[in-house]
């Protein structure tokens, strides 16, 4: 085997993880000015997105939905709580479980955030069909990563 071919697997252009990583960083960078307007980081924003949809969720379930461990999620929740956007409370049926719910202020922020996906759609040069295919492939990767 040719020595150069032997190391082809180590070339950055042959890694699927690199364009995923780089694209993710670039997209999150594009979010920054829009999120600054509503005083949220990207991780806080995706956390609020789940809460806007579900209103109340356990910390464990929230971490699973966002693919975040408790070490990452705990400071995010603490920050959102200090901004008075969420409330944390012990589950009545299981004291070991902590639930997160929206405050009235957190619910009102939803209206201010409504324009963000529309603005972000303008930043990504991808049509609906390609976006749907990419979404499907990314969730296929995420599903496999969980197993």
C-alpha atoms as a PDB file:
ATOM      1  CA  UNK A   1       0.000   0.000   0.000  1.00  0.00           C
ATOM      2  CA  UNK A   2       1.259   3.449  -0.938  1.00  0.00           C
ATOM      3  CA  UNK A   3       2.415   5.272   2.215  1.00  0.00           C
ATOM      4  CA  UNK A   4       0.394   8.367   1.337  1.00  0.00           C
ATOM      5  CA  UNK A   5      -2.796   6.322   0.771  1.00  0.00           C
ATOM      6  CA  UNK A   6      -2.239   4.644   4.141  1.00  0.00           C
ATOM      7  CA  UNK A   7      -2.959   7.953   5.884  1.00  0.00           C
ATOM      8  CA  UNK A   8      -5.898   9.093   3.701  1.00  0.00           C
ATOM      9  CA  UNK A   9      -8.316   8.374   6.555  1.00  0.00           C
ATOM     10  CA  UNK A  10      -6.550  11.065   8.594  1.00  0.00           C
ATOM     11  CA  UNK A  11      -6.988  13.833   6.026  1.00  0.00           C
ATOM     12  CA  UNK A  12      -9.367  16.486   7.251  1.00  0.00           C
ATOM     13  CA  UNK A  13     -11.200  16.560   3.905  1.00  0.00           C
ATOM     14  CA  UNK A  14     -12.076  12.872   4.424  1.00  0.00           C
ATOM     15  CA  UNK A  15     -13.737  13.452   7.793  1.00  0.00           C
ATOM     16  CA  UNK A  16     -17.513  13.853   7.936  1.00  0.00           C
ATOM     17  CA  UNK A  17     -17.159  15.250  11.453  1.00  0.00           C
ATOM     18  CA  UNK A  18     -15.187  18.283  10.330  1.00  0.00           C
ATOM     19  CA  UNK A  19     -17.748  19.928   8.021  1.00  0.00           C
ATOM     20  CA  UNK A  20     -20.448  19.159  10.625  1.00  0.00           C
ATOM     21  CA  UNK A  21     -18.368  20.824  13.325  1.00  0.00           C
ATOM     22  CA  UNK A  22     -17.384  23.813  11.170  1.00  0.00           C
ATOM     23  CA  UNK A  23     -20.924  24.329   9.813  1.00  0.00           C
ATOM     24  CA  UNK A  24     -22.343  24.184  13.323  1.00  0.00           C
ATOM     25  CA  UNK A  25     -19.893  26.814  14.565  1.00  0.00           C
ATOM     26  CA  UNK A  26     -20.579  29.101  11.593  1.00  0.00           C
ATOM     27  CA  UNK A  27     -24.353  28.811  11.931  1.00  0.00           C
ATOM     28  CA  UNK A  28     -24.216  29.507  15.665  1.00  0.00           C
ATOM     29  CA  UNK A  29     -22.063  32.560  14.878  1.00  0.00           C
ATOM     30  CA  UNK A  30     -24.820  33.802  12.549  1.00  0.00           C
ATOM     31  CA  UNK A  31     -27.351  33.424  15.390  1.00  0.00           C
ATOM     32  CA  UNK A  32     -25.331  35.622  17.747  1.00  0.00           C
ATOM     33  CA  UNK A  33     -26.581  39.099  16.680  1.00  0.00           C
ATOM     34  CA  UNK A  34     -30.214  37.951  16.731  1.00  0.00           C
ATOM     35  CA  UNK A  35     -29.816  36.260  20.104  1.00  0.00           C
ATOM     36  CA  UNK A  36     -28.002  39.278  21.539  1.00  0.00           C
ATOM     37  CA  UNK A  37     -31.194  41.256  20.889  1.00  0.00           C
ATOM     38  CA  UNK A  38     -33.088  38.977  23.280  1.00  0.00           C
ATOM     39  CA  UNK A  39     -30.149  38.448  25.682  1.00  0.00           C
ATOM     40  CA  UNK A  40     -29.739  34.702  25.132  1.00  0.00           C
ATOM     41  CA  UNK A  41     -26.833  32.467  24.194  1.00  0.00           C
ATOM     42  CA  UNK A  42     -27.447  29.769  21.602  1.00  0.00           C
ATOM     43  CA  UNK A  43     -27.674  27.064  24.283  1.00  0.00           C
ATOM     44  CA  UNK A  44     -30.137  29.182  26.275  1.00  0.00           C
ATOM     45  CA  UNK A  45     -32.148  29.739  23.080  1.00  0.00           C
ATOM     46  CA  UNK A  46     -32.501  26.037  22.251  1.00  0.00           C
ATOM     47  CA  UNK A  47     -33.431  25.388  25.874  1.00  0.00           C
ATOM     48  CA  UNK A  48     -36.147  28.031  25.651  1.00  0.00           C
ATOM     49  CA  UNK A  49     -37.354  26.526  22.358  1.00  0.00           C
ATOM     50  CA  UNK A  50     -38.079  23.227  24.120  1.00  0.00           C
ATOM     51  CA  UNK A  51     -39.813  25.060  26.959  1.00  0.00           C
ATOM     52  CA  UNK A  52     -41.897  27.208  24.606  1.00  0.00           C
ATOM     53  CA  UNK A  53     -43.133  23.976  23.086  1.00  0.00           C
ATOM     54  CA  UNK A  54     -43.601  21.896  26.244  1.00  0.00           C
ATOM     55  CA  UNK A  55     -44.121  24.552  28.983  1.00  0.00           C
ATOM     56  CA  UNK A  56     -42.766  22.208  31.693  1.00  0.00           C
ATOM     57  CA  UNK A  57     -40.171  19.454  31.366  1.00  0.00           C
ATOM     58  CA  UNK A  58     -37.852  17.498  33.636  1.00  0.00           C
ATOM     59  CA  UNK A  59     -34.183  18.444  33.610  1.00  0.00           C
ATOM     60  CA  UNK A  60     -33.358  14.880  32.556  1.00  0.00           C
ATOM     61  CA  UNK A  61     -35.755  14.989  29.605  1.00  0.00           C
ATOM     62  CA  UNK A  62     -34.515  18.449  28.622  1.00  0.00           C
ATOM     63  CA  UNK A  63     -30.917  17.200  28.556  1.00  0.00           C
ATOM     64  CA  UNK A  64     -31.927  14.240  26.393  1.00  0.00           C
ATOM     65  CA  UNK A  65     -33.817  16.415  23.911  1.00  0.00           C
ATOM     66  CA  UNK A  66     -30.903  18.857  23.609  1.00  0.00           C
ATOM     67  CA  UNK A  67     -28.122  16.220  23.705  1.00  0.00           C
ATOM     68  CA  UNK A  68     -26.624  18.063  26.698  1.00  0.00           C
ATOM     69  CA  UNK A  69     -25.163  16.553  29.857  1.00  0.00           C
ATOM     70  CA  UNK A  70     -26.013  17.961  33.269  1.00  0.00           C
ATOM     71  CA  UNK A  71     -22.630  19.710  33.524  1.00  0.00           C
ATOM     72  CA  UNK A  72     -23.518  21.797  30.474  1.00  0.00           C
ATOM     73  CA  UNK A  73     -27.230  22.179  31.161  1.00  0.00           C
ATOM     74  CA  UNK A  74     -27.029  23.186  34.852  1.00  0.00           C
ATOM     75  CA  UNK A  75     -25.289  26.563  34.287  1.00  0.00           C
ATOM     76  CA  UNK A  76     -27.654  27.293  31.375  1.00  0.00           C
ATOM     77  CA  UNK A  77     -30.665  26.709  33.602  1.00  0.00           C
ATOM     78  CA  UNK A  78     -29.130  28.743  36.413  1.00  0.00           C
ATOM     79  CA  UNK A  79     -28.624  31.671  34.035  1.00  0.00           C
ATOM     80  CA  UNK A  80     -32.167  31.432  32.645  1.00  0.00           C
ATOM     81  CA  UNK A  81     -33.499  31.296  36.185  1.00  0.00           C
ATOM     82  CA  UNK A  82     -31.518  34.412  37.153  1.00  0.00           C
ATOM     83  CA  UNK A  83     -33.060  36.187  34.133  1.00  0.00           C
ATOM     84  CA  UNK A  84     -36.463  35.151  35.516  1.00  0.00           C
ATOM     85  CA  UNK A  85     -37.327  33.221  32.346  1.00  0.00           C
ATOM     86  CA  UNK A  86     -37.741  29.819  34.011  1.00  0.00           C
ATOM     87  CA  UNK A  87     -38.532  28.243  37.361  1.00  0.00           C
ATOM     88  CA  UNK A  88     -37.002  25.039  38.690  1.00  0.00           C
ATOM     89  CA  UNK A  89     -38.973  22.902  41.130  1.00  0.00           C
ATOM     90  CA  UNK A  90     -38.876  19.404  42.576  1.00  0.00           C
ATOM     91  CA  UNK A  91     -41.288  16.932  41.031  1.00  0.00           C
ATOM     92  CA  UNK A  92     -44.170  16.220  43.440  1.00  0.00           C
ATOM     93  CA  UNK A  93     -44.162  12.517  42.605  1.00  0.00           C
ATOM     94  CA  UNK A  94     -40.363  12.075  42.729  1.00  0.00           C
ATOM     95  CA  UNK A  95     -38.247  14.452  44.819  1.00  0.00           C
ATOM     96  CA  UNK A  96     -35.091  13.348  42.997  1.00  0.00           C
ATOM     97  CA  UNK A  97     -36.439  14.784  39.761  1.00  0.00           C
ATOM     98  CA  UNK A  98     -36.321  18.506  38.981  1.00  0.00           C
ATOM     99  CA  UNK A  99     -38.756  20.146  36.591  1.00  0.00           C
ATOM    100  CA  UNK A 100     -38.230  23.318  34.610  1.00  0.00           C
ATOM    101  CA  UNK A 101     -41.133  25.540  33.599  1.00  0.00           C
ATOM    102  CA  UNK A 102     -41.570  28.890  31.913  1.00  0.00           C
ATOM    103  CA  UNK A 103     -42.331  32.054  33.799  1.00  0.00           C
ATOM    104  CA  UNK A 104     -44.644  34.666  32.325  1.00  0.00           C
ATOM    105  CA  UNK A 105     -41.527  36.618  31.268  1.00  0.00           C
ATOM    106  CA  UNK A 106     -40.143  33.495  29.591  1.00  0.00           C
ATOM    107  CA  UNK A 107     -43.385  32.960  27.717  1.00  0.00           C
ATOM    108  CA  UNK A 108     -43.442  36.586  26.531  1.00  0.00           C
ATOM    109  CA  UNK A 109     -39.900  36.239  25.165  1.00  0.00           C
ATOM    110  CA  UNK A 110     -41.323  33.766  22.638  1.00  0.00           C
ATOM    111  CA  UNK A 111     -42.871  36.639  20.656  1.00  0.00           C
ATOM    112  CA  UNK A 112     -39.522  38.458  20.485  1.00  0.00           C
ATOM    113  CA  UNK A 113     -37.798  35.260  19.313  1.00  0.00           C
ATOM    114  CA  UNK A 114     -40.330  34.546  16.585  1.00  0.00           C
ATOM    115  CA  UNK A 115     -38.374  36.434  13.919  1.00  0.00           C
ATOM    116  CA  UNK A 116     -35.086  34.574  14.549  1.00  0.00           C
ATOM    117  CA  UNK A 117     -35.807  31.448  12.440  1.00  0.00           C
ATOM    118  CA  UNK A 118     -36.965  33.683   9.571  1.00  0.00           C
ATOM    119  CA  UNK A 119     -33.778  35.754   9.718  1.00  0.00           C
ATOM    120  CA  UNK A 120     -31.650  32.610   9.947  1.00  0.00           C
ATOM    121  CA  UNK A 121     -33.347  31.104   6.898  1.00  0.00           C
ATOM    122  CA  UNK A 122     -32.007  34.067   4.921  1.00  0.00           C
ATOM    123  CA  UNK A 123     -28.461  33.228   6.089  1.00  0.00           C
ATOM    124  CA  UNK A 124     -28.420  29.639   4.833  1.00  0.00           C
ATOM    125  CA  UNK A 125     -28.174  29.124   1.062  1.00  0.00           C
ATOM    126  CA  UNK A 126     -30.191  25.904   1.091  1.00  0.00           C
ATOM    127  CA  UNK A 127     -33.635  25.213  -0.348  1.00  0.00           C
ATOM    128  CA  UNK A 128     -36.466  23.401   1.410  1.00  0.00           C
ATOM    129  CA  UNK A 129     -35.823  20.003  -0.169  1.00  0.00           C
ATOM    130  CA  UNK A 130     -32.090  20.079   0.647  1.00  0.00           C
ATOM    131  CA  UNK A 131     -32.866  21.311   4.164  1.00  0.00           C
ATOM    132  CA  UNK A 132     -35.309  18.425   4.708  1.00  0.00           C
ATOM    133  CA  UNK A 133     -32.727  15.906   3.476  1.00  0.00           C
ATOM    134  CA  UNK A 134     -29.987  17.403   5.657  1.00  0.00           C
ATOM    135  CA  UNK A 135     -32.307  17.394   8.688  1.00  0.00           C
ATOM    136  CA  UNK A 136     -33.121  13.718   8.092  1.00  0.00           C
ATOM    137  CA  UNK A 137     -29.445  12.768   7.729  1.00  0.00           C
ATOM    138  CA  UNK A 138     -28.355  14.720  10.804  1.00  0.00           C
ATOM    139  CA  UNK A 139     -31.018  13.101  12.968  1.00  0.00           C
ATOM    140  CA  UNK A 140     -29.979   9.712  11.591  1.00  0.00           C
ATOM    141  CA  UNK A 141     -26.424  10.460  12.792  1.00  0.00           C
ATOM    142  CA  UNK A 142     -27.715  11.693  16.166  1.00  0.00           C
ATOM    143  CA  UNK A 143     -29.844   8.580  16.586  1.00  0.00           C
ATOM    144  CA  UNK A 144     -26.895   6.330  15.868  1.00  0.00           C
ATOM    145  CA  UNK A 145     -24.716   8.318  18.270  1.00  0.00           C
ATOM    146  CA  UNK A 146     -27.197   7.665  21.088  1.00  0.00           C
ATOM    147  CA  UNK A 147     -26.984   3.885  20.702  1.00  0.00           C
END
